[in-house]
């Protein structure tokens, strides 16, 4: 492959690569127990503890069964809280605690299969030329 073509490929790759975006603290929605914050210059991600907006109350959907619980906000007024708890308990059959609880749902919806033939040997990809181009360019800059 000609040197010019390799340089063009490298330049094209540089223009179209995905850039890391720093989250805006006010506009970022955090999910899960920790939300990683990307730091500039490729530094390590620092997990940030995520706090709930309000204190949460644990509700047993089936009284006496501590394995089937959910959490609701504590700032609801008494009668609204009772209505929410009653609605959750009335519809407890909607919750799926295990995969076996998903009756009537085709397993193909939640199962992923790769279309691979186990009798065929995998093919190893060839080494990328991009690394060689970086070495050449860095040696020129020095």
N, C-alpha and C. Protein backbone atom coordinates (compact mmCIF):
# COMPACT_ATOMS: atom_id res chain seq x y z
N UNK A 1 0.85 -1.17 0.00
CA UNK A 1 0.00 0.00 0.00
C UNK A 1 0.90 1.24 0.00
N UNK A 2 0.57 2.20 -0.80
CA UNK A 2 1.43 3.37 -0.91
C UNK A 2 1.37 4.22 0.36
N UNK A 3 2.43 4.93 0.58
CA UNK A 3 2.56 5.76 1.77
C UNK A 3 1.48 6.85 1.79
N UNK A 4 1.18 7.43 0.64
CA UNK A 4 0.18 8.48 0.55
C UNK A 4 -1.20 7.94 0.93
N UNK A 5 -1.54 6.76 0.45
CA UNK A 5 -2.82 6.15 0.76
C UNK A 5 -2.94 5.87 2.25
N UNK A 6 -1.86 5.40 2.87
CA UNK A 6 -1.88 5.14 4.31
C UNK A 6 -2.11 6.42 5.08
N UNK A 7 -1.45 7.51 4.67
CA UNK A 7 -1.62 8.80 5.34
C UNK A 7 -3.06 9.29 5.20
N UNK A 8 -3.66 9.10 4.02
CA UNK A 8 -5.04 9.51 3.81
C UNK A 8 -5.98 8.71 4.70
N UNK A 9 -5.74 7.41 4.82
CA UNK A 9 -6.56 6.56 5.69
C UNK A 9 -6.47 7.03 7.13
N UNK A 10 -5.25 7.34 7.55
CA UNK A 10 -5.04 7.79 8.92
C UNK A 10 -5.76 9.10 9.18
N UNK A 11 -5.67 10.03 8.25
CA UNK A 11 -6.32 11.33 8.40
C UNK A 11 -7.84 11.17 8.44
N UNK A 12 -8.36 10.31 7.59
CA UNK A 12 -9.80 10.03 7.57
C UNK A 12 -10.23 9.42 8.90
N UNK A 13 -9.45 8.49 9.41
CA UNK A 13 -9.77 7.85 10.69
C UNK A 13 -9.80 8.88 11.80
N UNK A 14 -8.82 9.80 11.80
CA UNK A 14 -8.75 10.84 12.82
C UNK A 14 -9.97 11.75 12.80
N UNK A 15 -10.43 12.10 11.60
CA UNK A 15 -11.56 13.02 11.48
C UNK A 15 -12.86 12.40 11.95
N UNK A 16 -13.00 11.10 11.77
CA UNK A 16 -14.28 10.45 12.04
C UNK A 16 -14.30 9.62 13.31
N UNK A 17 -13.26 9.67 14.10
CA UNK A 17 -13.28 8.87 15.32
C UNK A 17 -14.21 9.50 16.35
N UNK A 18 -14.70 8.69 17.26
CA UNK A 18 -15.63 9.15 18.28
C UNK A 18 -14.83 9.84 19.38
N UNK A 19 -15.26 11.01 19.75
CA UNK A 19 -14.58 11.77 20.80
C UNK A 19 -15.30 11.52 22.12
N UNK A 20 -14.54 11.53 23.23
CA UNK A 20 -15.15 11.42 24.55
C UNK A 20 -15.79 12.76 24.88
N UNK A 21 -16.99 12.70 25.41
CA UNK A 21 -17.71 13.92 25.75
C UNK A 21 -17.78 14.02 27.27
N UNK A 22 -17.40 15.17 27.79
CA UNK A 22 -17.48 15.38 29.22
C UNK A 22 -18.93 15.65 29.59
N UNK A 23 -19.44 14.99 30.63
CA UNK A 23 -20.84 15.20 31.00
C UNK A 23 -21.02 16.56 31.67
N UNK A 24 -22.14 17.17 31.40
CA UNK A 24 -22.52 18.39 32.08
C UNK A 24 -23.26 17.97 33.34
N UNK A 25 -22.73 18.31 34.49
CA UNK A 25 -23.27 17.82 35.76
C UNK A 25 -24.76 18.13 35.91
N UNK A 26 -25.21 19.29 35.42
CA UNK A 26 -26.61 19.67 35.61
C UNK A 26 -27.53 18.90 34.68
N UNK A 27 -27.06 18.54 33.50
CA UNK A 27 -27.92 17.93 32.50
C UNK A 27 -27.77 16.42 32.42
N UNK A 28 -26.80 15.83 33.12
CA UNK A 28 -26.54 14.40 33.02
C UNK A 28 -27.48 13.64 33.93
N UNK A 29 -28.09 12.59 33.39
CA UNK A 29 -28.94 11.72 34.20
C UNK A 29 -28.10 10.55 34.64
N UNK A 30 -28.01 10.32 35.92
CA UNK A 30 -27.16 9.25 36.43
C UNK A 30 -27.98 7.97 36.59
N UNK A 31 -27.36 6.87 36.23
CA UNK A 31 -28.01 5.57 36.34
C UNK A 31 -27.12 4.63 37.13
N UNK A 32 -27.73 3.72 37.85
CA UNK A 32 -26.97 2.71 38.59
C UNK A 32 -26.37 3.25 39.87
N UNK A 33 -25.64 2.40 40.60
CA UNK A 33 -25.09 2.81 41.89
C UNK A 33 -23.99 3.86 41.77
N UNK A 34 -23.25 3.85 40.68
CA UNK A 34 -22.23 4.88 40.46
C UNK A 34 -22.31 5.35 39.02
N UNK A 35 -21.97 6.59 38.81
CA UNK A 35 -21.96 7.14 37.46
C UNK A 35 -20.54 7.58 37.15
N UNK A 36 -19.88 7.00 36.15
CA UNK A 36 -18.51 7.40 35.85
C UNK A 36 -18.46 8.79 35.23
N UNK A 37 -17.46 9.55 35.61
CA UNK A 37 -17.24 10.87 35.05
C UNK A 37 -15.97 10.81 34.22
N UNK A 38 -16.06 11.16 32.95
CA UNK A 38 -14.89 11.12 32.08
C UNK A 38 -14.03 12.35 32.32
N UNK A 39 -12.76 12.14 32.45
CA UNK A 39 -11.81 13.23 32.67
C UNK A 39 -11.09 13.52 31.36
N UNK A 40 -10.69 14.79 31.12
CA UNK A 40 -9.97 15.10 29.89
C UNK A 40 -8.60 14.46 29.84
N UNK A 41 -8.00 14.49 28.67
CA UNK A 41 -6.67 13.94 28.40
C UNK A 41 -6.56 12.45 28.70
N UNK A 42 -7.64 11.71 28.56
CA UNK A 42 -7.58 10.26 28.71
C UNK A 42 -7.27 9.78 30.11
N UNK A 43 -7.50 10.62 31.12
CA UNK A 43 -7.24 10.18 32.49
C UNK A 43 -8.31 9.19 32.92
N UNK A 44 -8.06 8.54 34.05
CA UNK A 44 -8.96 7.51 34.53
C UNK A 44 -10.34 8.06 34.88
N UNK A 45 -11.35 7.24 34.73
CA UNK A 45 -12.69 7.63 35.12
C UNK A 45 -12.81 7.51 36.63
N UNK A 46 -13.47 8.48 37.23
CA UNK A 46 -13.65 8.49 38.68
C UNK A 46 -15.12 8.26 38.96
N UNK A 47 -15.47 7.16 39.68
CA UNK A 47 -16.88 6.93 39.96
C UNK A 47 -17.41 7.95 40.97
N UNK A 48 -18.61 8.43 40.72
CA UNK A 48 -19.25 9.40 41.60
C UNK A 48 -20.43 8.71 42.26
N UNK A 49 -20.52 8.82 43.57
CA UNK A 49 -21.62 8.19 44.29
C UNK A 49 -22.93 8.89 43.90
N UNK A 50 -23.95 8.11 43.61
CA UNK A 50 -25.25 8.64 43.22
C UNK A 50 -26.17 8.54 44.42
N UNK A 51 -26.77 9.64 44.76
CA UNK A 51 -27.67 9.69 45.91
C UNK A 51 -29.11 9.81 45.41
N UNK A 52 -30.06 9.12 46.07
CA UNK A 52 -31.46 9.28 45.67
C UNK A 52 -31.94 10.70 45.98
N UNK A 53 -32.96 11.14 45.27
CA UNK A 53 -33.50 12.47 45.47
C UNK A 53 -34.09 12.60 46.87
N UNK A 54 -34.69 11.54 47.35
CA UNK A 54 -35.29 11.54 48.68
C UNK A 54 -35.06 10.18 49.32
N UNK A 55 -35.36 10.09 50.59
CA UNK A 55 -35.26 8.81 51.28
C UNK A 55 -36.30 7.86 50.69
N UNK A 56 -35.96 6.58 50.64
CA UNK A 56 -36.86 5.58 50.08
C UNK A 56 -37.37 4.65 51.16
N UNK A 57 -38.62 4.26 51.02
CA UNK A 57 -39.22 3.29 51.94
C UNK A 57 -39.26 1.93 51.25
N UNK A 58 -38.90 0.89 51.99
CA UNK A 58 -38.95 -0.46 51.45
C UNK A 58 -40.34 -1.03 51.70
N UNK A 59 -40.94 -1.57 50.65
CA UNK A 59 -42.29 -2.12 50.75
C UNK A 59 -42.23 -3.59 50.35
N UNK A 60 -42.75 -4.46 51.22
CA UNK A 60 -42.86 -5.89 50.87
C UNK A 60 -44.13 -6.06 50.05
N UNK A 61 -43.99 -6.52 48.82
CA UNK A 61 -45.17 -6.72 47.99
C UNK A 61 -46.01 -7.89 48.49
N UNK A 62 -45.32 -8.90 49.00
CA UNK A 62 -46.01 -10.03 49.63
C UNK A 62 -45.60 -9.99 51.09
N UNK A 63 -46.49 -9.56 51.99
CA UNK A 63 -46.11 -9.47 53.41
C UNK A 63 -45.56 -10.80 53.92
N UNK A 64 -44.41 -10.74 54.57
CA UNK A 64 -43.77 -11.94 55.09
C UNK A 64 -42.74 -12.53 54.14
N UNK A 65 -42.65 -12.03 52.91
CA UNK A 65 -41.66 -12.52 51.95
C UNK A 65 -40.64 -11.40 51.69
N UNK A 66 -39.51 -11.42 52.44
CA UNK A 66 -38.54 -10.33 52.31
C UNK A 66 -37.79 -10.32 50.97
N UNK A 67 -37.94 -11.35 50.16
CA UNK A 67 -37.26 -11.40 48.87
C UNK A 67 -37.99 -10.63 47.79
N UNK A 68 -39.24 -10.31 48.02
CA UNK A 68 -40.04 -9.62 47.01
C UNK A 68 -40.40 -8.23 47.53
N UNK A 69 -39.42 -7.33 47.37
CA UNK A 69 -39.60 -5.97 47.86
C UNK A 69 -39.41 -4.97 46.73
N UNK A 70 -39.90 -3.78 46.96
CA UNK A 70 -39.64 -2.65 46.07
C UNK A 70 -39.52 -1.42 46.94
N UNK A 71 -39.10 -0.31 46.36
CA UNK A 71 -38.91 0.91 47.14
C UNK A 71 -39.74 2.03 46.53
N UNK A 72 -40.30 2.86 47.42
CA UNK A 72 -41.07 4.02 46.99
C UNK A 72 -40.55 5.25 47.73
N UNK A 73 -40.88 6.42 47.22
CA UNK A 73 -40.45 7.67 47.85
C UNK A 73 -41.12 7.89 49.19
N UNK A 74 -40.39 8.49 50.12
CA UNK A 74 -40.93 8.70 51.47
C UNK A 74 -41.68 10.02 51.60
N UNK A 75 -41.61 10.90 50.61
CA UNK A 75 -42.24 12.22 50.72
C UNK A 75 -43.71 12.21 50.30
N UNK A 76 -44.24 11.04 49.92
CA UNK A 76 -45.66 10.97 49.57
C UNK A 76 -46.50 11.11 50.82
N UNK A 77 -47.66 11.73 50.67
CA UNK A 77 -48.57 11.87 51.81
C UNK A 77 -49.18 10.52 52.13
N UNK A 78 -49.65 10.35 53.34
CA UNK A 78 -50.13 9.06 53.84
C UNK A 78 -51.13 8.35 52.96
N UNK A 79 -52.20 9.05 52.53
CA UNK A 79 -53.23 8.38 51.73
C UNK A 79 -52.72 8.02 50.33
N UNK A 80 -51.89 8.88 49.74
CA UNK A 80 -51.31 8.58 48.43
C UNK A 80 -50.35 7.40 48.54
N UNK A 81 -49.55 7.38 49.61
CA UNK A 81 -48.62 6.27 49.83
C UNK A 81 -49.38 4.95 49.94
N UNK A 82 -50.48 4.95 50.69
CA UNK A 82 -51.27 3.73 50.84
C UNK A 82 -51.87 3.29 49.50
N UNK A 83 -52.32 4.25 48.69
CA UNK A 83 -52.87 3.90 47.38
C UNK A 83 -51.80 3.27 46.48
N UNK A 84 -50.59 3.84 46.52
CA UNK A 84 -49.49 3.30 45.71
C UNK A 84 -49.14 1.89 46.18
N UNK A 85 -49.03 1.70 47.49
CA UNK A 85 -48.69 0.37 48.04
C UNK A 85 -49.77 -0.63 47.68
N UNK A 86 -51.04 -0.25 47.81
CA UNK A 86 -52.14 -1.16 47.47
C UNK A 86 -52.12 -1.51 45.98
N UNK A 87 -51.84 -0.51 45.13
CA UNK A 87 -51.77 -0.76 43.68
C UNK A 87 -50.62 -1.73 43.36
N UNK A 88 -49.46 -1.52 43.99
CA UNK A 88 -48.32 -2.42 43.76
C UNK A 88 -48.64 -3.84 44.21
N UNK A 89 -49.26 -3.97 45.38
CA UNK A 89 -49.59 -5.31 45.89
C UNK A 89 -50.67 -5.97 45.04
N UNK A 90 -51.62 -5.17 44.55
CA UNK A 90 -52.68 -5.73 43.72
C UNK A 90 -52.11 -6.25 42.39
N UNK A 91 -51.06 -5.60 41.90
CA UNK A 91 -50.45 -5.98 40.62
C UNK A 91 -49.12 -6.69 40.80
N UNK A 92 -48.95 -7.39 41.91
CA UNK A 92 -47.66 -8.06 42.20
C UNK A 92 -47.34 -9.15 41.19
N UNK A 93 -48.34 -9.66 40.48
CA UNK A 93 -48.08 -10.70 39.49
C UNK A 93 -47.38 -10.15 38.24
N UNK A 94 -47.32 -8.83 38.10
CA UNK A 94 -46.65 -8.21 36.95
C UNK A 94 -45.14 -8.24 37.12
N UNK A 95 -44.66 -8.23 38.37
CA UNK A 95 -43.22 -8.22 38.64
C UNK A 95 -42.60 -9.56 38.25
N UNK A 96 -41.42 -9.51 37.65
CA UNK A 96 -40.68 -10.72 37.29
C UNK A 96 -39.45 -10.80 38.19
N UNK A 97 -39.46 -11.73 39.13
CA UNK A 97 -38.35 -11.87 40.07
C UNK A 97 -37.29 -12.81 39.53
N UNK A 98 -37.68 -13.75 38.69
CA UNK A 98 -36.75 -14.70 38.07
C UNK A 98 -37.13 -14.84 36.59
N UNK A 99 -36.24 -15.39 35.77
CA UNK A 99 -36.61 -15.61 34.36
C UNK A 99 -37.81 -16.54 34.19
N UNK A 100 -38.03 -17.43 35.13
CA UNK A 100 -39.17 -18.34 35.04
C UNK A 100 -40.50 -17.60 35.22
N UNK A 101 -40.44 -16.40 35.84
CA UNK A 101 -41.66 -15.61 36.03
C UNK A 101 -42.13 -14.95 34.74
N UNK A 102 -41.34 -15.01 33.70
CA UNK A 102 -41.70 -14.38 32.43
C UNK A 102 -42.51 -15.33 31.57
N UNK A 103 -43.60 -15.85 32.10
CA UNK A 103 -44.44 -16.79 31.36
C UNK A 103 -45.13 -16.08 30.20
N UNK A 104 -45.23 -16.76 29.09
CA UNK A 104 -45.90 -16.20 27.94
C UNK A 104 -45.03 -15.32 27.07
N UNK A 105 -43.79 -15.09 27.48
CA UNK A 105 -42.87 -14.28 26.68
C UNK A 105 -41.91 -15.23 25.98
N UNK A 106 -41.81 -15.08 24.67
CA UNK A 106 -40.94 -15.93 23.87
C UNK A 106 -39.49 -15.75 24.31
N UNK A 107 -38.77 -16.83 24.67
CA UNK A 107 -37.37 -16.70 25.08
C UNK A 107 -36.48 -16.09 24.00
N UNK A 108 -36.90 -16.16 22.75
CA UNK A 108 -36.13 -15.55 21.68
C UNK A 108 -36.02 -14.04 21.82
N UNK A 109 -36.96 -13.43 22.54
CA UNK A 109 -36.93 -11.99 22.76
C UNK A 109 -35.78 -11.61 23.69
N UNK A 110 -35.49 -12.47 24.67
CA UNK A 110 -34.47 -12.13 25.67
C UNK A 110 -33.20 -12.97 25.52
N UNK A 111 -33.10 -13.77 24.47
CA UNK A 111 -31.93 -14.63 24.28
C UNK A 111 -31.17 -14.18 23.04
N UNK A 112 -29.85 -14.16 23.14
CA UNK A 112 -29.01 -13.74 22.02
C UNK A 112 -28.23 -14.94 21.52
N UNK A 113 -28.29 -15.20 20.23
CA UNK A 113 -27.54 -16.29 19.62
C UNK A 113 -26.71 -15.74 18.48
N UNK A 114 -25.46 -16.17 18.41
CA UNK A 114 -24.61 -15.81 17.29
C UNK A 114 -24.74 -16.87 16.21
N UNK A 115 -24.81 -16.45 14.98
CA UNK A 115 -24.95 -17.37 13.87
C UNK A 115 -23.56 -17.88 13.48
N UNK A 116 -23.02 -18.80 14.28
CA UNK A 116 -21.68 -19.34 14.06
C UNK A 116 -21.75 -20.85 13.85
N UNK A 117 -20.89 -21.34 12.99
CA UNK A 117 -20.77 -22.77 12.76
C UNK A 117 -19.61 -23.27 13.61
N UNK A 118 -19.85 -24.11 14.62
CA UNK A 118 -18.77 -24.56 15.50
C UNK A 118 -17.73 -25.43 14.81
N UNK A 119 -18.04 -25.93 13.60
CA UNK A 119 -17.07 -26.78 12.90
C UNK A 119 -16.04 -25.97 12.13
N UNK A 120 -16.27 -24.66 11.97
CA UNK A 120 -15.35 -23.81 11.21
C UNK A 120 -14.39 -23.12 12.16
N UNK A 121 -13.10 -23.15 11.80
CA UNK A 121 -12.05 -22.54 12.61
C UNK A 121 -12.11 -21.01 12.46
N UNK A 122 -11.99 -20.26 13.56
CA UNK A 122 -12.02 -18.79 13.46
C UNK A 122 -10.82 -18.26 12.68
N UNK A 123 -11.02 -17.12 12.05
CA UNK A 123 -9.96 -16.47 11.27
C UNK A 123 -9.42 -15.30 12.08
N UNK A 124 -8.10 -15.23 12.18
CA UNK A 124 -7.47 -14.14 12.91
C UNK A 124 -7.37 -12.92 11.99
N UNK A 125 -7.78 -11.75 12.49
CA UNK A 125 -7.69 -10.52 11.71
C UNK A 125 -6.25 -10.09 11.57
N UNK A 126 -5.95 -9.44 10.45
CA UNK A 126 -4.58 -8.98 10.24
C UNK A 126 -4.33 -7.74 11.09
N UNK A 127 -3.06 -7.50 11.38
CA UNK A 127 -2.65 -6.37 12.20
C UNK A 127 -2.97 -5.06 11.47
N UNK A 128 -3.42 -4.08 12.21
CA UNK A 128 -3.78 -2.79 11.64
C UNK A 128 -2.54 -2.00 11.26
N UNK A 129 -2.62 -1.25 10.16
CA UNK A 129 -1.52 -0.41 9.71
C UNK A 129 -1.46 0.90 10.48
N UNK A 130 -2.50 1.22 11.22
CA UNK A 130 -2.57 2.49 11.93
C UNK A 130 -1.42 2.61 12.93
N UNK A 131 -1.10 1.54 13.64
CA UNK A 131 -0.03 1.59 14.62
C UNK A 131 1.31 1.89 13.95
N UNK A 132 1.55 1.29 12.80
CA UNK A 132 2.79 1.56 12.06
C UNK A 132 2.86 3.02 11.63
N UNK A 133 1.72 3.57 11.21
CA UNK A 133 1.70 4.97 10.78
C UNK A 133 2.00 5.90 11.95
N UNK A 134 1.52 5.57 13.12
CA UNK A 134 1.80 6.39 14.30
C UNK A 134 3.30 6.39 14.60
N UNK A 135 3.90 5.22 14.50
CA UNK A 135 5.35 5.12 14.76
C UNK A 135 6.14 5.95 13.76
N UNK A 136 5.75 5.88 12.49
CA UNK A 136 6.45 6.63 11.45
C UNK A 136 6.31 8.13 11.70
N UNK A 137 5.10 8.57 12.00
CA UNK A 137 4.86 9.99 12.21
C UNK A 137 5.59 10.49 13.45
N UNK A 138 5.56 9.71 14.53
CA UNK A 138 6.24 10.14 15.76
C UNK A 138 7.74 10.21 15.55
N UNK A 139 8.31 9.32 14.73
CA UNK A 139 9.75 9.37 14.47
C UNK A 139 10.10 10.60 13.62
N UNK A 140 9.19 11.03 12.74
CA UNK A 140 9.42 12.23 11.93
C UNK A 140 9.40 13.49 12.80
N UNK A 141 8.48 13.52 13.78
CA UNK A 141 8.34 14.69 14.63
C UNK A 141 9.54 14.88 15.54
N UNK A 142 10.23 13.81 15.86
CA UNK A 142 11.38 13.91 16.74
C UNK A 142 12.53 14.41 15.95
